[in-house]
Amino acid sequence: MSLYTEAIDFLEMTDVLFLSNEQNETVQFEKGVSYFSQKKFDNASPYFKSLYQLKSSRYNADVTYYLGFISFAEKKFETLKSLKS
């Protein structure tokens, strides 16, 4: 079992009801990165997209990069255009 798989297991057990907004953003970002690192782009995208919609997220630049990478890898070039700031 990889460390990313373990991380996902632990992050999935996290109850977001007990987290602050900042902590919830961190959990969402870490889930996305863990799935991304395993090349599970379909699993990673929803986490990154939810953070991307929060324009004030401290992860905004990172999330834009990951979404751009995923869009490019999947040849979804129209999505790339929508990521322009």
N, C-alpha and C. Protein backbone atom coordinates (compact mmCIF):
# COMPACT_ATOMS: atom_id res chain seq x y z
N MET A 1 0.85 -1.18 0.00
CA MET A 1 0.00 0.00 0.00
C MET A 1 0.90 1.24 0.00
N SER A 2 0.61 2.15 -0.92
CA SER A 2 1.43 3.35 -1.01
C SER A 2 1.03 4.36 0.07
N LEU A 3 1.91 5.31 0.29
CA LEU A 3 1.61 6.35 1.28
C LEU A 3 0.41 7.20 0.85
N TYR A 4 0.24 7.39 -0.46
CA TYR A 4 -0.90 8.16 -0.94
C TYR A 4 -2.20 7.42 -0.67
N THR A 5 -2.17 6.10 -0.83
CA THR A 5 -3.36 5.31 -0.53
C THR A 5 -3.70 5.41 0.95
N GLU A 6 -2.70 5.32 1.80
CA GLU A 6 -2.92 5.48 3.24
C GLU A 6 -3.45 6.87 3.56
N ALA A 7 -2.89 7.87 2.92
CA ALA A 7 -3.34 9.24 3.16
C ALA A 7 -4.81 9.39 2.78
N ILE A 8 -5.19 8.84 1.64
CA ILE A 8 -6.59 8.91 1.21
C ILE A 8 -7.49 8.23 2.22
N ASP A 9 -7.08 7.06 2.70
CA ASP A 9 -7.88 6.34 3.69
C ASP A 9 -8.12 7.20 4.93
N PHE A 10 -7.08 7.84 5.42
CA PHE A 10 -7.22 8.68 6.61
C PHE A 10 -8.02 9.94 6.31
N LEU A 11 -7.77 10.55 5.17
CA LEU A 11 -8.50 11.77 4.83
C LEU A 11 -9.98 11.51 4.62
N GLU A 12 -10.32 10.34 4.07
CA GLU A 12 -11.72 9.99 3.87
C GLU A 12 -12.44 9.77 5.21
N MET A 13 -11.71 9.44 6.24
CA MET A 13 -12.31 9.26 7.56
C MET A 13 -12.59 10.58 8.27
N THR A 14 -12.06 11.66 7.73
CA THR A 14 -12.20 12.97 8.36
C THR A 14 -13.64 13.46 8.24
N ASP A 15 -14.22 13.86 9.35
CA ASP A 15 -15.57 14.40 9.36
C ASP A 15 -15.50 15.91 9.22
N VAL A 16 -15.89 16.41 8.08
CA VAL A 16 -15.74 17.84 7.79
C VAL A 16 -16.63 18.72 8.66
N LEU A 17 -17.61 18.13 9.31
CA LEU A 17 -18.48 18.92 10.18
C LEU A 17 -17.72 19.52 11.37
N PHE A 18 -16.63 18.89 11.73
CA PHE A 18 -15.85 19.34 12.88
C PHE A 18 -14.63 20.17 12.48
N LEU A 19 -14.52 20.52 11.21
CA LEU A 19 -13.36 21.27 10.73
C LEU A 19 -13.73 22.73 10.44
N SER A 20 -12.76 23.59 10.61
CA SER A 20 -12.94 24.97 10.19
C SER A 20 -12.88 25.02 8.66
N ASN A 21 -13.26 26.14 8.08
CA ASN A 21 -13.18 26.27 6.62
C ASN A 21 -11.76 26.07 6.11
N GLU A 22 -10.80 26.62 6.83
CA GLU A 22 -9.40 26.48 6.43
C GLU A 22 -8.95 25.03 6.50
N GLN A 23 -9.34 24.33 7.54
CA GLN A 23 -8.97 22.91 7.67
C GLN A 23 -9.64 22.08 6.58
N ASN A 24 -10.90 22.41 6.28
CA ASN A 24 -11.62 21.69 5.23
C ASN A 24 -10.93 21.90 3.87
N GLU A 25 -10.47 23.13 3.59
CA GLU A 25 -9.75 23.38 2.35
C GLU A 25 -8.48 22.53 2.29
N THR A 26 -7.79 22.42 3.40
CA THR A 26 -6.56 21.62 3.44
C THR A 26 -6.86 20.15 3.16
N VAL A 27 -7.91 19.63 3.76
CA VAL A 27 -8.29 18.23 3.54
C VAL A 27 -8.65 18.02 2.07
N GLN A 28 -9.44 18.93 1.50
CA GLN A 28 -9.82 18.82 0.08
C GLN A 28 -8.58 18.83 -0.82
N PHE A 29 -7.66 19.74 -0.52
CA PHE A 29 -6.45 19.85 -1.33
C PHE A 29 -5.60 18.58 -1.21
N GLU A 30 -5.42 18.09 0.00
CA GLU A 30 -4.60 16.89 0.21
C GLU A 30 -5.22 15.67 -0.44
N LYS A 31 -6.55 15.56 -0.43
CA LYS A 31 -7.20 14.46 -1.13
C LYS A 31 -6.92 14.56 -2.63
N GLY A 32 -7.08 15.76 -3.17
CA GLY A 32 -6.83 15.96 -4.59
C GLY A 32 -5.41 15.61 -4.98
N VAL A 33 -4.45 16.07 -4.19
CA VAL A 33 -3.04 15.79 -4.48
C VAL A 33 -2.75 14.29 -4.37
N SER A 34 -3.34 13.64 -3.39
CA SER A 34 -3.11 12.20 -3.22
C SER A 34 -3.64 11.42 -4.42
N TYR A 35 -4.85 11.75 -4.86
CA TYR A 35 -5.39 11.07 -6.05
C TYR A 35 -4.58 11.43 -7.30
N PHE A 36 -4.20 12.69 -7.43
CA PHE A 36 -3.41 13.14 -8.57
C PHE A 36 -2.10 12.37 -8.64
N SER A 37 -1.45 12.20 -7.50
CA SER A 37 -0.15 11.51 -7.45
C SER A 37 -0.26 10.05 -7.85
N GLN A 38 -1.46 9.50 -7.72
CA GLN A 38 -1.69 8.12 -8.15
C GLN A 38 -2.23 8.06 -9.59
N LYS A 39 -2.27 9.24 -10.23
CA LYS A 39 -2.79 9.37 -11.60
C LYS A 39 -4.26 9.01 -11.69
N LYS A 40 -4.99 9.21 -10.61
CA LYS A 40 -6.44 9.01 -10.59
C LYS A 40 -7.09 10.37 -10.77
N PHE A 41 -6.96 10.89 -11.99
CA PHE A 41 -7.39 12.25 -12.28
C PHE A 41 -8.89 12.45 -12.11
N ASP A 42 -9.68 11.43 -12.43
CA ASP A 42 -11.13 11.55 -12.27
C ASP A 42 -11.51 11.72 -10.80
N ASN A 43 -10.74 11.13 -9.91
CA ASN A 43 -11.00 11.28 -8.48
C ASN A 43 -10.47 12.61 -7.96
N ALA A 44 -9.37 13.07 -8.50
CA ALA A 44 -8.74 14.31 -8.02
C ALA A 44 -9.50 15.55 -8.46
N SER A 45 -10.02 15.55 -9.67
CA SER A 45 -10.64 16.75 -10.24
C SER A 45 -11.74 17.37 -9.38
N PRO A 46 -12.67 16.60 -8.83
CA PRO A 46 -13.73 17.24 -8.04
C PRO A 46 -13.20 18.03 -6.84
N TYR A 47 -12.16 17.53 -6.21
CA TYR A 47 -11.58 18.23 -5.07
C TYR A 47 -10.93 19.53 -5.52
N PHE A 48 -10.20 19.48 -6.61
CA PHE A 48 -9.56 20.68 -7.13
C PHE A 48 -10.60 21.68 -7.63
N LYS A 49 -11.64 21.20 -8.30
CA LYS A 49 -12.67 22.09 -8.82
C LYS A 49 -13.41 22.81 -7.69
N SER A 50 -13.68 22.10 -6.60
CA SER A 50 -14.38 22.75 -5.49
C SER A 50 -13.53 23.86 -4.88
N LEU A 51 -12.23 23.65 -4.82
CA LEU A 51 -11.33 24.69 -4.31
C LEU A 51 -11.15 25.81 -5.32
N TYR A 52 -11.16 25.49 -6.59
CA TYR A 52 -11.00 26.50 -7.64
C TYR A 52 -12.16 27.51 -7.59
N GLN A 53 -13.34 27.01 -7.27
CA GLN A 53 -14.51 27.88 -7.19
C GLN A 53 -14.41 28.88 -6.03
N LEU A 54 -13.62 28.55 -5.03
CA LEU A 54 -13.38 29.48 -3.92
C LEU A 54 -12.23 30.38 -4.33
N LYS A 55 -12.49 31.45 -4.98
CA LYS A 55 -11.43 32.30 -5.52
C LYS A 55 -10.48 32.81 -4.43
N SER A 56 -10.93 32.78 -3.18
CA SER A 56 -10.08 33.29 -2.08
C SER A 56 -9.26 32.18 -1.42
N SER A 57 -9.32 30.97 -1.94
CA SER A 57 -8.59 29.86 -1.34
C SER A 57 -7.08 30.09 -1.44
N ARG A 58 -6.39 29.75 -0.38
CA ARG A 58 -4.92 29.88 -0.41
C ARG A 58 -4.28 28.88 -1.37
N TYR A 59 -5.06 27.91 -1.81
CA TYR A 59 -4.56 26.90 -2.75
C TYR A 59 -4.91 27.22 -4.20
N ASN A 60 -5.44 28.40 -4.46
CA ASN A 60 -5.95 28.73 -5.79
C ASN A 60 -4.91 28.54 -6.89
N ALA A 61 -3.71 29.04 -6.70
CA ALA A 61 -2.67 28.90 -7.73
C ALA A 61 -2.30 27.43 -7.94
N ASP A 62 -2.18 26.69 -6.86
CA ASP A 62 -1.83 25.27 -6.96
C ASP A 62 -2.94 24.48 -7.66
N VAL A 63 -4.17 24.75 -7.28
CA VAL A 63 -5.32 24.06 -7.85
C VAL A 63 -5.43 24.37 -9.35
N THR A 64 -5.17 25.60 -9.73
CA THR A 64 -5.20 25.97 -11.15
C THR A 64 -4.16 25.17 -11.93
N TYR A 65 -2.98 25.01 -11.35
CA TYR A 65 -1.94 24.21 -11.99
C TYR A 65 -2.41 22.76 -12.17
N TYR A 66 -2.91 22.15 -11.09
CA TYR A 66 -3.32 20.75 -11.17
C TYR A 66 -4.46 20.56 -12.17
N LEU A 67 -5.45 21.46 -12.15
CA LEU A 67 -6.55 21.35 -13.11
C LEU A 67 -6.05 21.53 -14.54
N GLY A 68 -5.10 22.44 -14.73
CA GLY A 68 -4.52 22.63 -16.05
C GLY A 68 -3.77 21.40 -16.52
N PHE A 69 -3.01 20.81 -15.63
CA PHE A 69 -2.26 19.60 -15.97
C PHE A 69 -3.21 18.47 -16.37
N ILE A 70 -4.25 18.28 -15.55
CA ILE A 70 -5.23 17.22 -15.83
C ILE A 70 -5.92 17.48 -17.16
N SER A 71 -6.34 18.71 -17.39
CA SER A 71 -7.02 19.05 -18.65
C SER A 71 -6.11 18.79 -19.85
N PHE A 72 -4.84 19.17 -19.73
CA PHE A 72 -3.89 18.95 -20.81
C PHE A 72 -3.66 17.45 -21.05
N ALA A 73 -3.48 16.69 -19.96
CA ALA A 73 -3.24 15.25 -20.07
C ALA A 73 -4.43 14.54 -20.71
N GLU A 74 -5.64 15.03 -20.43
CA GLU A 74 -6.85 14.42 -20.97
C GLU A 74 -7.28 15.07 -22.28
N LYS A 75 -6.44 15.98 -22.79
CA LYS A 75 -6.70 16.68 -24.05
C LYS A 75 -8.04 17.43 -24.04
N LYS A 76 -8.37 18.00 -22.89
CA LYS A 76 -9.58 18.82 -22.75
C LYS A 76 -9.15 20.28 -22.84
N PHE A 77 -8.85 20.71 -24.04
CA PHE A 77 -8.27 22.03 -24.26
C PHE A 77 -9.25 23.16 -24.00
N GLU A 78 -10.55 22.90 -24.15
CA GLU A 78 -11.54 23.93 -23.85
C GLU A 78 -11.53 24.26 -22.35
N THR A 79 -11.31 23.25 -21.53
CA THR A 79 -11.23 23.47 -20.10
C THR A 79 -10.02 24.32 -19.75
N LEU A 80 -8.94 24.12 -20.48
CA LEU A 80 -7.73 24.93 -20.26
C LEU A 80 -8.02 26.41 -20.46
N LYS A 81 -8.81 26.72 -21.48
CA LYS A 81 -9.13 28.13 -21.75
C LYS A 81 -9.91 28.74 -20.59
N SER A 82 -10.75 27.95 -19.95
CA SER A 82 -11.58 28.49 -18.86
C SER A 82 -10.77 28.72 -17.59
N LEU A 83 -9.57 28.20 -17.51
CA LEU A 83 -8.72 28.37 -16.32
C LEU A 83 -7.94 29.67 -16.33
N LYS A 84 -8.04 30.42 -17.40
CA LYS A 84 -7.32 31.70 -17.43
C LYS A 84 -7.86 32.60 -16.34
N SER A 85 -6.95 33.33 -15.71
CA SER A 85 -7.40 34.21 -14.62
C SER A 85 -7.74 35.59 -15.12
